[in-house]
Protein backbone atom coordinates (compact mmCIF):
# COMPACT_ATOMS: atom_id res chain seq x y z
CA MET A 1 107.95 151.04 146.27
CA TYR A 2 106.61 151.30 149.80
CA THR A 3 108.57 151.44 153.04
CA GLN A 4 107.78 149.07 155.89
CA GLU A 5 106.33 152.01 157.81
CA GLU A 6 104.03 152.90 154.90
CA LEU A 7 102.88 149.29 154.57
CA ILE A 8 102.14 149.10 158.30
CA GLN A 9 100.05 152.26 158.01
CA ILE A 10 98.12 150.77 155.08
CA ALA A 11 97.54 147.45 156.85
CA GLY A 12 96.37 149.39 159.90
CA LYS A 13 93.44 150.70 157.88
CA PHE A 14 91.89 147.23 158.10
CA ASP A 15 90.09 145.60 161.02
CA ILE A 16 92.80 143.16 162.10
CA ASP A 17 93.41 141.45 165.44
CA GLY A 18 96.71 142.12 167.15
CA GLU A 19 99.71 144.36 166.64
CA ILE A 20 101.56 144.15 163.32
CA ASP A 21 104.99 142.54 163.58
CA SER A 22 106.15 142.48 159.95
CA ILE A 23 105.00 142.73 156.34
CA LYS A 24 106.85 140.85 153.62
CA ALA A 25 106.33 140.06 149.94
CA LEU A 26 104.62 136.76 149.14
CA GLY A 27 105.05 135.25 145.68
CA PRO A 28 106.09 136.90 142.40
CA GLY A 29 103.01 139.12 142.00
CA PHE A 30 102.32 138.95 138.26
CA ILE A 31 99.22 141.18 138.48
CA ASN A 32 98.78 142.27 142.10
CA ASP A 33 101.47 142.90 144.71
CA THR A 34 100.84 140.33 147.44
CA LEU A 35 102.25 140.58 150.97
CA ILE A 36 101.90 138.58 154.16
CA VAL A 37 101.17 140.48 157.36
CA LYS A 38 102.32 138.83 160.58
CA THR A 39 101.06 139.92 164.00
CA ARG A 40 102.66 139.62 167.43
CA PRO A 41 101.26 136.92 169.76
CA SER A 42 98.48 138.17 172.02
CA VAL A 43 98.02 137.27 175.68
CA ASN A 44 96.06 134.17 174.64
CA GLY A 45 98.82 133.13 172.27
CA SER A 46 97.01 133.82 168.99
CA ALA A 47 98.90 135.60 166.22
CA PRO A 48 96.76 135.64 163.06
CA LYS A 49 98.32 136.34 159.67
CA TYR A 50 96.77 138.27 156.83
CA ILE A 51 97.21 138.67 153.08
CA LEU A 52 97.53 142.29 151.98
CA GLN A 53 97.28 143.03 148.25
CA ARG A 54 97.81 146.09 146.14
CA LYS A 55 95.17 145.59 143.47
CA ASN A 56 96.22 146.39 139.92
CA HIS A 57 93.70 149.03 138.87
CA ASN A 58 95.03 148.99 135.30
CA VAL A 59 93.88 145.38 134.93
CA PHE A 60 90.85 145.88 137.20
CA PRO A 61 89.64 149.45 136.54
CA ASP A 62 86.78 149.23 139.08
CA VAL A 63 88.36 147.82 142.24
CA PRO A 64 85.37 148.74 144.49
CA ALA A 65 82.99 146.74 142.26
CA MET A 66 85.48 143.85 142.15
CA MET A 67 85.69 143.79 145.95
CA ASN A 68 81.90 143.84 146.17
CA ASN A 69 81.81 140.79 143.87
CA ILE A 70 84.25 139.01 146.18
CA GLU A 71 82.31 139.90 149.33
CA MET A 72 79.00 138.67 147.89
CA VAL A 73 80.49 135.41 146.64
CA THR A 74 82.39 134.60 149.84
CA GLU A 75 79.45 135.45 152.12
CA HIS A 76 77.22 133.13 150.08
CA ILE A 77 79.72 130.27 150.38
CA LYS A 78 80.27 130.92 154.11
CA ALA A 79 76.55 130.47 154.73
CA LYS A 80 76.62 127.18 152.80
CA VAL A 81 79.66 125.87 154.67
CA ALA A 82 78.20 126.81 158.06
CA ALA A 83 74.86 125.15 157.23
CA GLU A 84 76.71 121.94 156.33
CA GLY A 85 78.66 121.96 159.62
CA GLY A 86 81.99 122.98 158.05
CA ASP A 87 84.50 125.64 159.10
CA PRO A 88 83.74 128.93 157.29
CA MET A 89 87.08 130.39 158.42
CA ARG A 90 89.02 127.69 156.55
CA GLU A 91 86.71 126.53 153.77
CA VAL A 92 86.21 129.92 152.12
CA LEU A 93 88.24 133.09 151.75
CA THR A 94 87.58 135.63 154.53
CA VAL A 95 87.61 139.27 153.44
CA ILE A 96 88.96 141.61 156.12
CA LYS A 97 87.00 144.85 156.09
CA ARG A 98 88.16 148.35 156.88
CA ASN A 99 88.46 149.42 160.49
CA PRO A 100 85.41 151.71 160.79
CA ALA A 101 87.44 154.19 162.82
CA THR A 102 89.78 154.78 159.88
CA LEU A 103 87.06 155.64 157.35
CA THR A 104 86.71 159.34 156.62
CA ASP A 105 83.31 160.88 155.89
CA GLU A 106 84.38 161.24 152.27
CA GLU A 107 85.27 157.54 152.07
CA LYS A 108 82.02 156.49 153.72
CA ALA A 109 80.13 158.14 150.85
CA LEU A 110 81.93 156.00 148.26
CA PRO A 111 80.56 152.63 147.03
CA HIS A 112 81.87 149.59 148.93
CA SER A 113 84.50 151.68 150.76
CA HIS A 114 84.44 149.25 153.71
CA LEU A 115 86.23 146.69 151.52
CA TYR A 116 89.35 148.54 150.34
CA HIS A 117 91.78 151.37 151.04
CA LYS A 118 92.95 153.88 148.43
CA ASP A 119 96.27 155.40 149.42
CA SER A 120 97.75 158.82 148.68
CA LYS A 121 99.48 157.44 145.56
CA GLY A 122 96.16 156.37 144.08
CA ASN A 123 96.71 152.65 144.65
CA PHE A 124 93.99 150.32 145.95
CA TRP A 125 94.58 147.82 148.77
CA ALA A 126 92.51 144.92 150.10
CA MET A 127 93.04 142.29 152.77
CA CYS A 128 91.97 138.74 153.58
CA LEU A 129 92.73 136.24 156.33
CA PHE A 130 95.69 133.92 155.83
CA ILE A 131 94.55 130.31 156.26
CA GLU A 132 97.04 128.49 158.47
CA GLY A 133 98.15 125.00 157.49
CA SER A 134 97.14 125.47 153.87
CA VAL A 135 99.12 124.14 150.92
CA THR A 136 99.25 125.19 147.26
CA TYR A 137 100.62 123.46 144.16
CA GLU A 138 102.09 125.18 141.11
CA LYS A 139 101.31 122.33 138.73
CA ALA A 140 98.91 119.41 138.62
CA ASP A 141 101.45 116.78 137.56
CA THR A 142 99.55 113.61 138.49
CA PRO A 143 96.03 112.38 137.69
CA ALA A 144 95.30 112.26 141.44
CA LEU A 145 96.10 115.96 141.88
CA CYS A 146 94.24 116.74 138.66
CA PHE A 147 91.17 114.99 140.12
CA LYS A 148 91.46 117.11 143.28
CA GLY A 149 91.73 120.29 141.23
CA GLY A 150 88.55 119.39 139.37
CA GLN A 151 86.88 118.62 142.67
CA GLY A 152 87.89 122.04 144.02
CA ILE A 153 86.44 124.02 141.12
CA GLY A 154 83.38 121.77 140.96
CA LYS A 155 82.69 122.34 144.65
CA PHE A 156 83.17 126.12 144.28
CA GLN A 157 80.66 126.24 141.43
CA ALA A 158 78.19 123.92 143.16
CA GLN A 159 78.20 126.14 146.26
CA LEU A 160 77.28 129.09 144.02
CA ALA A 161 74.80 127.30 141.76
CA ASP A 162 71.89 129.10 143.45
CA PHE A 163 73.62 132.50 143.54
CA THR A 164 71.55 134.70 141.24
CA THR A 165 72.77 138.26 141.91
CA PRO A 166 74.51 139.67 138.78
CA LEU A 167 78.20 140.39 139.32
CA ALA A 168 80.06 143.39 137.96
CA GLU A 169 82.16 142.86 134.83
CA THR A 170 85.64 143.49 136.23
CA ILE A 171 87.43 142.87 132.90
CA LYS A 172 85.54 143.90 129.78
CA GLY A 173 84.68 141.08 127.40
CA PHE A 174 86.58 138.40 129.29
CA HIS A 175 86.06 135.05 127.43
CA ASN A 176 83.46 136.76 125.23
CA ILE A 177 84.50 135.58 121.78
CA ARG A 178 82.22 138.02 119.98
CA TRP A 179 84.10 140.88 121.69
CA ARG A 180 87.44 139.20 120.93
CA PHE A 181 86.55 138.95 117.23
CA GLN A 182 85.77 142.67 117.17
CA GLN A 183 89.24 143.30 118.57
CA TRP A 184 90.67 140.80 116.07
CA ASP A 185 89.14 142.57 113.06
CA GLU A 186 90.50 145.90 114.33
CA SER A 187 93.97 144.40 114.79
CA LEU A 188 94.01 143.01 111.26
CA ARG A 189 92.93 146.37 109.82
CA ALA A 190 95.49 148.34 111.83
CA ASP A 191 98.38 145.89 111.31
CA ALA A 192 100.31 147.97 113.86
CA ALA A 193 103.56 145.99 113.67
CA GLY A 194 103.41 145.21 109.93
CA ARG A 195 103.29 141.49 110.55
CA VAL A 196 100.00 140.48 108.89
CA LYS A 197 101.64 139.79 105.51
CA ASP A 198 103.62 136.89 107.02
CA LEU A 199 100.73 135.29 108.90
CA ALA A 200 98.38 133.93 106.24
CA GLU A 201 98.43 130.40 107.68
CA GLU A 202 97.88 131.50 111.28
CA ILE A 203 95.11 133.93 110.31
CA GLY A 204 93.49 131.05 108.45
CA TRP A 205 93.46 129.01 111.66
CA ILE A 206 91.37 131.71 113.30
CA GLU A 207 89.00 132.46 110.44
CA SER A 208 88.23 128.78 109.75
CA ARG A 209 86.89 128.32 113.29
CA LYS A 210 85.12 131.66 113.68
CA ALA A 211 81.59 130.47 112.87
CA GLU A 212 81.85 127.47 115.22
CA MET A 213 83.04 129.59 118.12
CA LEU A 214 80.36 132.23 117.60
CA GLU A 215 77.71 129.50 117.43
CA PHE A 216 78.77 128.30 120.88
CA TRP A 217 78.78 131.83 122.30
CA SER A 218 75.33 132.58 120.89
CA LEU A 219 73.98 129.82 123.18
CA VAL A 220 75.34 131.79 126.15
CA GLU A 221 73.89 135.04 124.81
CA ASN A 222 70.40 133.58 124.28
CA GLY A 223 70.35 131.75 127.64
CA THR A 224 70.44 128.18 126.33
CA ILE A 225 73.65 127.87 128.33
CA PRO A 226 72.94 129.67 131.62
CA THR A 227 74.96 132.49 133.13
CA ARG A 228 76.43 131.76 136.55
CA VAL A 229 79.32 132.79 138.80
CA THR A 230 82.63 132.05 137.13
CA HIS A 231 86.10 132.18 138.67
CA ASN A 232 87.92 132.70 135.35
CA ASP A 233 91.41 131.70 136.55
CA THR A 234 91.15 128.03 137.50
CA LYS A 235 94.81 127.01 137.60
CA ILE A 236 95.79 124.63 140.40
CA SER A 237 97.67 127.34 142.33
CA ASN A 238 94.35 129.08 142.98
CA ILE A 239 93.11 126.20 145.12
CA LEU A 240 94.13 125.80 148.76
CA PHE A 241 94.57 122.29 150.14
CA ASP A 242 95.05 121.05 153.69
CA ARG A 243 98.13 119.07 154.66
CA ASP A 244 96.30 115.82 153.95
CA GLY A 245 95.75 116.87 150.34
CA GLU A 246 92.05 117.64 150.68
CA VAL A 247 90.56 120.77 149.10
CA LEU A 248 89.99 123.69 151.46
CA CYS A 249 88.82 126.47 149.19
CA VAL A 250 89.33 128.46 146.00
CA ILE A 251 91.29 131.72 146.25
CA ASP A 252 92.26 134.68 144.02
CA LEU A 253 88.68 135.74 143.37
CA ASP A 254 89.47 139.03 141.58
CA THR A 255 88.20 137.70 138.26
CA CYS A 256 84.88 136.36 139.59
CA MET A 257 82.19 137.50 137.18
CA SER A 258 78.91 136.42 135.64
CA SER A 259 79.39 134.18 132.61
CA THR A 260 79.10 130.51 131.69
CA SER A 261 80.62 128.10 134.18
CA LEU A 262 81.95 126.18 131.18
CA ASN A 263 84.68 128.83 130.90
CA ASP A 264 86.18 127.58 134.15
CA PHE A 265 86.16 123.96 133.03
CA GLY A 266 87.67 124.79 129.66
CA ASP A 267 90.41 126.99 131.10
CA ALA A 268 91.35 124.32 133.63
CA ILE A 269 91.61 121.67 130.90
CA ARG A 270 93.80 124.03 128.85
CA SER A 271 96.28 124.38 131.71
CA TYR A 272 96.06 120.99 133.45
CA THR A 273 96.27 118.68 130.46
CA ASN A 274 99.04 120.27 128.36
CA THR A 275 101.99 117.89 128.13
CA GLY A 276 104.26 120.77 127.09
CA ALA A 277 104.73 124.40 128.05
CA GLU A 278 102.40 127.21 127.04
CA ASP A 279 105.28 128.71 125.03
CA ASP A 280 107.03 125.48 124.05
CA ARG A 281 109.23 125.84 120.96
CA ASP A 282 109.35 122.05 120.63
CA LEU A 283 105.84 121.32 119.38
CA SER A 284 106.45 117.58 119.58
CA LYS A 285 106.10 117.95 123.36
CA VAL A 286 102.70 119.63 123.19
CA SER A 287 99.46 117.67 123.31
CA MET A 288 96.39 117.17 125.48
CA SER A 289 96.74 114.29 127.93
CA ILE A 290 93.48 112.36 127.78
CA GLU A 291 94.41 110.74 131.10
CA MET A 292 94.59 114.15 132.79
CA PHE A 293 91.38 115.23 131.06
CA LYS A 294 89.59 112.19 132.44
CA ALA A 295 90.93 112.77 135.96
CA TYR A 296 89.90 116.43 136.01
CA ALA A 297 86.48 115.73 134.50
CA GLU A 298 85.80 112.99 137.04
CA GLY A 299 86.76 115.25 139.95
CA TYR A 300 84.77 118.18 138.60
CA LEU A 301 81.62 116.20 137.89
CA SER A 302 81.78 114.39 141.24
CA GLU A 303 80.85 117.77 142.78
CA ARG A 304 79.02 119.49 139.96
CA LYS A 305 76.99 117.14 137.79
CA SER A 306 73.78 117.43 139.81
CA THR A 307 73.74 121.24 139.43
CA LEU A 308 74.54 121.42 135.70
CA THR A 309 71.85 121.68 133.03
CA ARG A 310 71.61 119.35 130.06
CA SER A 311 72.97 122.05 127.75
CA GLU A 312 75.98 122.63 130.01
CA LEU A 313 76.78 118.93 130.04
CA ASP A 314 76.37 118.73 126.27
CA TRP A 315 78.92 121.51 125.71
CA LEU A 316 81.31 120.76 128.56
CA ALA A 317 83.95 119.01 126.44
CA PHE A 318 83.71 121.68 123.74
CA SER A 319 84.51 124.40 126.28
CA ALA A 320 88.13 123.19 126.37
CA ARG A 321 88.41 123.79 122.64
CA TYR A 322 86.68 127.17 122.98
CA ILE A 323 88.99 128.53 125.66
CA THR A 324 92.13 127.16 123.99
CA PHE A 325 91.05 128.70 120.67
CA GLU A 326 90.52 132.02 122.44
CA GLN A 327 94.07 131.85 123.76
CA VAL A 328 95.45 131.14 120.27
CA LEU A 329 93.51 134.18 119.08
CA ARG A 330 94.76 136.42 121.88
CA PHE A 331 98.42 135.45 121.49
CA LEU A 332 98.30 135.95 117.72
CA MET A 333 96.40 139.23 118.07
CA ASP A 334 99.01 140.55 120.50
CA TYR A 335 101.78 139.56 118.08
CA ILE A 336 99.98 141.47 115.31
CA ASP A 337 99.53 144.47 117.63
CA GLY A 338 103.27 144.59 118.42
CA ASP A 339 103.31 142.70 121.74
CA LYS A 340 101.46 145.26 123.84
CA TYR A 341 99.60 143.02 126.30
CA TYR A 342 101.66 139.96 127.23
CA LYS A 343 105.19 140.20 128.54
CA THR A 344 107.63 138.73 126.03
CA ASN A 345 111.25 137.56 126.22
CA ALA A 346 111.93 137.43 122.46
CA PRO A 347 110.61 139.20 119.34
CA ASP A 348 108.68 136.07 118.31
CA HIS A 349 107.53 135.01 121.79
CA ASN A 350 103.82 135.62 121.13
CA LEU A 351 104.08 133.77 117.82
CA VAL A 352 105.72 130.84 119.60
CA ARG A 353 102.86 130.88 122.11
CA THR A 354 100.37 130.96 119.25
CA HIS A 355 101.88 127.88 117.64
CA ALA A 356 102.09 125.97 120.93
CA GLN A 357 98.49 126.71 121.86
CA TYR A 358 97.35 125.82 118.35
CA LYS A 359 99.11 122.46 118.65
CA LEU A 360 97.23 121.90 121.92
CA LEU A 361 93.96 122.90 120.24
CA ARG A 362 94.57 120.45 117.38
CA SER A 363 95.25 117.69 119.90
CA MET A 364 91.91 118.45 121.57
CA GLU A 365 90.11 118.41 118.25
CA GLU A 366 91.66 115.05 117.37
CA GLN A 367 90.56 113.56 120.70
CA TYR A 368 87.22 115.32 120.90
CA ASP A 369 85.02 112.24 120.43
CA GLU A 370 86.80 110.56 123.34
CA MET A 371 86.42 113.71 125.47
CA VAL A 372 82.68 113.68 124.84
CA ARG A 373 82.49 109.96 125.66
CA ILE A 374 84.28 110.53 128.98
CA ILE A 375 81.86 113.29 129.98
CA LYS A 376 78.91 111.00 129.21
CA GLU A 377 80.53 108.20 131.21
CA PHE A 378 80.60 110.33 134.35
């Protein structure tokens, strides 16, 4: 825990305008601790707000490299927005850099030290500008909002389609199914919680799809499906909208890495289209809404289709099955490992999640021909 005085000292390490008035928690903070910094009005009446975050260096072991990823990506988009006559201060995240006067000689010698502050407790902090008049949604519960979400991610990817600088891997093996299968084999061998004996059916679900999933990933590895900038957390709450419901920009860029852009499409479909909950015990509620799939795909491709290759378009629908399968695998693997990664509220919580995500995967597989037809239509 940090006192208000300590937080003010940390925020003061960054190059902000105005005098700090208050710092308060913003949102639940599942991975990072997020706070809003309010400043006192200046003589001209301006009082900008900022987002201050304590970055979780257990999840992101190389925070400096992560912040460098974010700076490169946002600067590239800012240039695009400015060239198109837009507002770079509202249509892309603005990273607030360190106040040069607060950098020690030792800090100056460190990589990317102008983008973060490491405090005396060993925690890393970063800051960005709060975008006034912005709106977020926790769930895409209508086709219209689903369309807008697809439009937001499609626009983000289109703006970065010509970005060719490799990004640091901030989370090892993220969405890399070959890496996940290595972990899976180790989990089965170790059987840390003694649960493997009761999971023959569920293990069969994974093994029966292994070859298909590796075949897809091999196309990424050999370059048939190109590597691009990926956001890797494309839920609707990571898109800012204006008060008229139009997309402003994509936020929460900590997981930006180099991979296939299909990951972002697939992950969005997994979260947007599920008619039930991710951990629904009532499997009759769980399915993929083809209506929501169509809305998201239309929004996404309205911004992105001209910058996708033929191979990306061919595998776009499959990416939803790929990412959902990966989540089935990860939930089941964590259950086998003794629930070490995901927070659980019951002894069988990860198994419940496994079953719910598998039901969603089966629904996708059953509707796959129609998913492919919809992609071709757009």
